[in-house]
Amino acid sequence: MTNPNDKFFDGAMLFKLYAEHGLPLEMSLMRIDQEGKTVNWPLFIQEATKNGWSLKKTYTTIIAGVRDAEIYTREQMAEFEKMAKLFFIREAA
């Protein structure tokens, strides 16, 4: 039986690679995509806010990284942005 968590990359680790070690987010996202995984974004967000990032900074960083990684089609990117925006609006309320 396959562990469903194997499909996800630890978002907290991704945040640390980006914010603490300077690894470009888009490079990490391209590699994660090549491995057939996706990021556990709630963990990334949790780690970012724990480190004093505003929701706006976190949102814009995620969107820019995903856009620059070019791992989604135009339609997928539009859907990702829409879902992220709804999540962040809900979290800010």
Protein backbone atom coordinates (compact mmCIF):
# COMPACT_ATOMS: atom_id res chain seq x y z
CA MET A 1 0.00 0.00 0.00
CA THR A 2 1.33 3.44 -0.96
CA ASN A 3 1.63 6.14 1.66
CA PRO A 4 -0.37 9.19 0.42
CA ASN A 5 2.16 11.49 2.12
CA ASP A 6 4.78 10.26 -0.36
CA LYS A 7 3.12 12.51 -2.95
CA PHE A 8 3.87 15.63 -0.91
CA PHE A 9 7.07 17.53 -0.26
CA ASP A 10 7.35 19.00 3.24
CA GLY A 11 6.34 22.66 2.95
CA ALA A 12 8.22 23.64 6.11
CA MET A 13 11.42 22.22 4.62
CA LEU A 14 10.78 24.08 1.37
CA PHE A 15 10.37 27.33 3.29
CA LYS A 16 13.67 26.75 5.11
CA LEU A 17 15.49 25.94 1.88
CA TYR A 18 14.20 29.19 0.40
CA ALA A 19 14.27 31.62 3.34
CA GLU A 20 17.25 30.33 5.31
CA HIS A 21 19.47 28.81 2.65
CA GLY A 22 18.65 31.01 -0.34
CA LEU A 23 17.66 28.21 -2.71
CA PRO A 24 15.46 29.78 -5.38
CA LEU A 25 11.88 28.67 -4.90
CA GLU A 26 11.27 28.05 -8.58
CA MET A 27 14.26 25.68 -8.79
CA SER A 28 12.99 23.66 -5.84
CA LEU A 29 9.49 23.55 -7.33
CA MET A 30 10.79 22.30 -10.67
CA ARG A 31 12.69 19.51 -8.92
CA ILE A 32 9.70 18.59 -6.74
CA ASP A 33 7.51 18.47 -9.86
CA GLN A 34 10.05 16.25 -11.65
CA GLU A 35 9.78 13.81 -8.75
CA GLY A 36 6.01 13.70 -9.25
CA LYS A 37 5.29 15.42 -5.96
CA THR A 38 3.50 18.54 -4.90
CA VAL A 39 4.21 20.85 -1.98
CA ASN A 40 2.30 20.65 1.26
CA TRP A 41 1.55 24.39 1.05
CA PRO A 42 -0.18 24.68 4.46
CA LEU A 43 3.11 23.67 6.10
CA PHE A 44 4.99 26.26 4.03
CA ILE A 45 2.49 28.93 5.10
CA GLN A 46 2.64 27.85 8.73
CA GLU A 47 6.44 28.03 8.74
CA ALA A 48 6.43 31.41 6.98
CA THR A 49 4.01 32.99 9.45
CA LYS A 50 5.90 31.39 12.35
CA ASN A 51 8.96 33.25 11.04
CA GLY A 52 7.17 36.59 10.95
CA TRP A 53 6.09 36.69 7.32
CA SER A 54 2.84 38.44 6.56
CA LEU A 55 0.14 36.56 4.68
CA LYS A 56 0.60 38.95 1.77
CA LYS A 57 4.35 38.28 1.54
CA THR A 58 3.74 34.55 1.79
CA TYR A 59 1.06 34.63 -0.92
CA THR A 60 3.13 36.72 -3.34
CA THR A 61 6.20 34.53 -2.77
CA ILE A 62 4.28 31.34 -3.46
CA ILE A 63 2.57 32.72 -6.58
CA ALA A 64 5.81 34.16 -7.99
CA GLY A 65 7.70 30.92 -7.33
CA VAL A 66 5.07 28.74 -8.95
CA ARG A 67 4.76 31.11 -11.92
CA ASP A 68 8.54 31.26 -12.41
CA ALA A 69 8.87 27.47 -12.17
CA GLU A 70 6.55 27.13 -15.18
CA ILE A 71 5.30 23.76 -13.97
CA TYR A 72 1.63 24.49 -14.71
CA THR A 73 -0.25 25.28 -17.88
CA ARG A 74 -1.82 28.73 -18.11
CA GLU A 75 -5.18 27.27 -17.03
CA GLN A 76 -3.66 25.36 -14.10
CA MET A 77 -1.81 28.49 -12.99
CA ALA A 78 -5.02 30.53 -13.08
CA GLU A 79 -6.75 27.87 -10.97
CA PHE A 80 -3.80 27.71 -8.54
CA GLU A 81 -3.85 31.50 -8.11
CA LYS A 82 -7.61 31.46 -7.57
CA MET A 83 -7.40 28.74 -4.91
CA ALA A 84 -4.46 30.43 -3.18
CA LYS A 85 -6.23 33.78 -3.13
CA LEU A 86 -9.34 32.20 -1.58
CA PHE A 87 -7.21 30.44 1.04
CA PHE A 88 -5.38 33.61 2.01
CA ILE A 89 -8.56 35.69 2.14
CA ARG A 90 -10.11 33.09 4.44
CA GLU A 91 -6.99 32.99 6.65
CA ALA A 92 -6.87 36.80 6.92
CA ALA A 93 -10.51 36.98 8.07
